[in-house]
Structure formats: structure tokens, C-alpha cells
C-alpha atoms as a PDB file:
ATOM      1  CA  MET A   1     109.940  69.625 105.294  1.00  0.00           C
ATOM      2  CA  MET A   2     108.691  73.033 104.252  1.00  0.00           C
ATOM      3  CA  ASN A   3     109.082  74.853 100.924  1.00  0.00           C
ATOM      4  CA  ILE A   4     109.861  78.546 101.235  1.00  0.00           C
ATOM      5  CA  THR A   5     109.753  81.117  98.457  1.00  0.00           C
ATOM      6  CA  VAL A   6     112.811  83.355  98.476  1.00  0.00           C
ATOM      7  CA  GLU A   7     112.815  86.545  96.413  1.00  0.00           C
ATOM      8  CA  LEU A   8     116.200  87.938  95.391  1.00  0.00           C
ATOM      9  CA  PHE A   9     116.977  91.510  94.440  1.00  0.00           C
ATOM     10  CA  GLY A  10     119.849  93.437  92.860  1.00  0.00           C
ATOM     11  CA  PRO A  11     123.189  91.651  92.682  1.00  0.00           C
ATOM     12  CA  ALA A  12     121.778  88.496  94.315  1.00  0.00           C
ATOM     13  CA  GLU A  13     119.266  88.106  91.500  1.00  0.00           C
ATOM     14  CA  ARG A  14     121.995  88.672  88.911  1.00  0.00           C
ATOM     15  CA  LEU A  15     124.309  86.087  90.498  1.00  0.00           C
ATOM     16  CA  VAL A  16     121.629  83.386  90.521  1.00  0.00           C
ATOM     17  CA  GLY A  17     119.985  84.391  87.248  1.00  0.00           C
ATOM     18  CA  GLN A  18     116.429  84.386  88.545  1.00  0.00           C
ATOM     19  CA  PRO A  19     114.363  86.578  90.868  1.00  0.00           C
ATOM     20  CA  GLU A  20     112.648  83.820  92.852  1.00  0.00           C
ATOM     21  CA  LEU A  21     113.724  80.481  94.357  1.00  0.00           C
ATOM     22  CA  THR A  22     112.051  77.707  96.293  1.00  0.00           C
ATOM     23  CA  ILE A  23     114.121  76.460  99.223  1.00  0.00           C
ATOM     24  CA  GLU A  24     113.247  73.351 101.244  1.00  0.00           C
ATOM     25  CA  VAL A  25     113.970  73.461 104.979  1.00  0.00           C
ATOM     26  CA  ALA A  26     113.150  71.241 107.944  1.00  0.00           C
ATOM     27  CA  GLY A  27     112.074  71.980 111.481  1.00  0.00           C
ATOM     28  CA  ASN A  28     111.531  75.461 112.861  1.00  0.00           C
ATOM     29  CA  PRO A  29     114.190  77.542 111.077  1.00  0.00           C
ATOM     30  CA  THR A  30     115.178  81.119 111.727  1.00  0.00           C
ATOM     31  CA  VAL A  31     115.253  83.574 108.845  1.00  0.00           C
ATOM     32  CA  GLY A  32     119.055  83.336 109.017  1.00  0.00           C
ATOM     33  CA  ASP A  33     118.878  79.538 108.656  1.00  0.00           C
ATOM     34  CA  ILE A  34     116.921  80.004 105.439  1.00  0.00           C
ATOM     35  CA  VAL A  35     119.526  82.461 104.110  1.00  0.00           C
ATOM     36  CA  GLN A  36     122.297  79.983 105.038  1.00  0.00           C
ATOM     37  CA  GLU A  37     120.464  77.175 103.208  1.00  0.00           C
ATOM     38  CA  THR A  38     120.032  79.434 100.179  1.00  0.00           C
ATOM     39  CA  VAL A  39     123.794  80.062 100.173  1.00  0.00           C
ATOM     40  CA  ARG A  40     124.489  76.335 100.550  1.00  0.00           C
ATOM     41  CA  ILE A  41     122.455  75.648  97.398  1.00  0.00           C
ATOM     42  CA  TYR A  42     123.721  78.750  95.550  1.00  0.00           C
ATOM     43  CA  PRO A  43     127.302  79.210  96.824  1.00  0.00           C
ATOM     44  CA  GLN A  44     127.887  82.156  94.492  1.00  0.00           C
ATOM     45  CA  LEU A  45     125.777  84.180  96.955  1.00  0.00           C
ATOM     46  CA  GLY A  46     128.112  83.495  99.873  1.00  0.00           C
ATOM     47  CA  SER A  47     130.417  86.491  99.638  1.00  0.00           C
ATOM     48  CA  LEU A  48     127.428  88.791  99.099  1.00  0.00           C
ATOM     49  CA  LEU A  49     125.188  87.561 101.928  1.00  0.00           C
ATOM     50  CA  ILE A  50     127.466  86.009 104.567  1.00  0.00           C
ATOM     51  CA  SER A  51     130.081  87.632 106.808  1.00  0.00           C
ATOM     52  CA  GLU A  52     131.964  85.840 109.576  1.00  0.00           C
ATOM     53  CA  GLY A  53     129.655  82.815 109.335  1.00  0.00           C
ATOM     54  CA  ALA A  54     126.401  84.761 109.740  1.00  0.00           C
ATOM     55  CA  VAL A  55     124.100  86.855 107.578  1.00  0.00           C
ATOM     56  CA  ALA A  56     125.943  90.090 106.792  1.00  0.00           C
ATOM     57  CA  LYS A  57     124.586  93.117 108.655  1.00  0.00           C
ATOM     58  CA  SER A  58     124.370  94.994 105.351  1.00  0.00           C
ATOM     59  CA  VAL A  59     121.764  92.544 103.986  1.00  0.00           C
ATOM     60  CA  LEU A  60     118.132  93.588 104.380  1.00  0.00           C
ATOM     61  CA  LEU A  61     115.773  90.702 105.168  1.00  0.00           C
ATOM     62  CA  CYS A  62     112.005  90.989 104.908  1.00  0.00           C
ATOM     63  CA  VAL A  63     109.119  88.588 105.426  1.00  0.00           C
ATOM     64  CA  ASN A  64     106.178  89.611 103.264  1.00  0.00           C
ATOM     65  CA  ASN A  65     107.778  93.043 102.811  1.00  0.00           C
ATOM     66  CA  ILE A  66     108.252  93.671 106.550  1.00  0.00           C
ATOM     67  CA  GLN A  67     111.845  93.978 107.759  1.00  0.00           C
ATOM     68  CA  VAL A  68     112.972  91.200 110.113  1.00  0.00           C
ATOM     69  CA  ASP A  69     116.112  90.143 111.937  1.00  0.00           C
ATOM     70  CA  ALA A  70     117.998  86.999 110.879  1.00  0.00           C
ATOM     71  CA  LYS A  71     117.458  85.552 114.369  1.00  0.00           C
ATOM     72  CA  GLU A  72     113.661  85.627 114.102  1.00  0.00           C
ATOM     73  CA  PHE A  73     111.914  82.298 113.575  1.00  0.00           C
ATOM     74  CA  TRP A  74     110.208  81.672 110.259  1.00  0.00           C
ATOM     75  CA  PRO A  75     106.430  82.151 110.437  1.00  0.00           C
ATOM     76  CA  ALA A  76     105.164  78.860 109.015  1.00  0.00           C
ATOM     77  CA  THR A  77     102.229  80.418 107.194  1.00  0.00           C
ATOM     78  CA  PRO A  78     101.420  79.251 103.654  1.00  0.00           C
ATOM     79  CA  GLY A  79     102.289  81.839 101.027  1.00  0.00           C
ATOM     80  CA  THR A  80     104.831  83.665 103.190  1.00  0.00           C
ATOM     81  CA  LYS A  81     107.858  84.921 101.231  1.00  0.00           C
ATOM     82  CA  LEU A  82     111.365  85.910 102.266  1.00  0.00           C
ATOM     83  CA  GLN A  83     112.912  88.870 100.481  1.00  0.00           C
ATOM     84  CA  ILE A  84     116.710  89.088 100.472  1.00  0.00           C
ATOM     85  CA  ILE A  85     118.003  92.533  99.543  1.00  0.00           C
ATOM     86  CA  PRO A  86     121.799  92.837  99.500  1.00  0.00           C
ATOM     87  CA  PRO A  87     123.558  96.197  99.500  1.00  0.00           C
ATOM     88  CA  VAL A  88     123.275  97.968  96.161  1.00  0.00           C
ATOM     89  CA  SER A  89     125.579 100.663  94.854  1.00  0.00           C
ATOM     90  CA  GLY A  90     125.546 102.818  91.797  1.00  0.00           C
ATOM     91  CA  GLY A  91     124.694 106.238  90.631  1.00  0.00           C
ATOM     92  CA  CYS A  92     124.010 108.401  87.656  1.00  0.00           C
END
């Protein structure tokens, strides 16, 4: 098992009530697998992050602040963080 730090932004952070989570995953997960596990633990994120059973295309995923695709495998390097940035709207 591996513990992964997940940083949430915008509406995702508001829905969960905290900016950072620790998610435990097994094996060699993809970034999308980690997002799916996050939604399993925090189901209130589902409609924001998931569309048609996969990570919504409107969700920005980053590993250590570098944009990645949900299909990429997680780099099992200690200290690596996943940033989940859902679409944000608003204005003046």
C-alpha cells in the first residue's frame, strides 16, 4: 500500500472541507485511479470530478504542479503530490 497526498482546490476543497487529503492505494495506480479512490472515500466529489465513469475532461490534474493525463501511471516517488483542480467559475 502507498499513501498519496492529494491537494484539492476551489469547489473540491469546499466540498471536503480541507485542502489536503491522504489517500491509500495499492499496486501501480494511474492518476485516474487515485482520483476514483478519492471520490470513493469522499462521494460528494463525484459529480464534480467524474463524468461517464471516468475523470471529467474539465478537471485539471497535476503531479507536483506539472499537468498530467488521468491515464498516466503514478510516479511512486516519496513526497509526490497530486493536485486536483476542478473547473472554477465566477467573476467580479
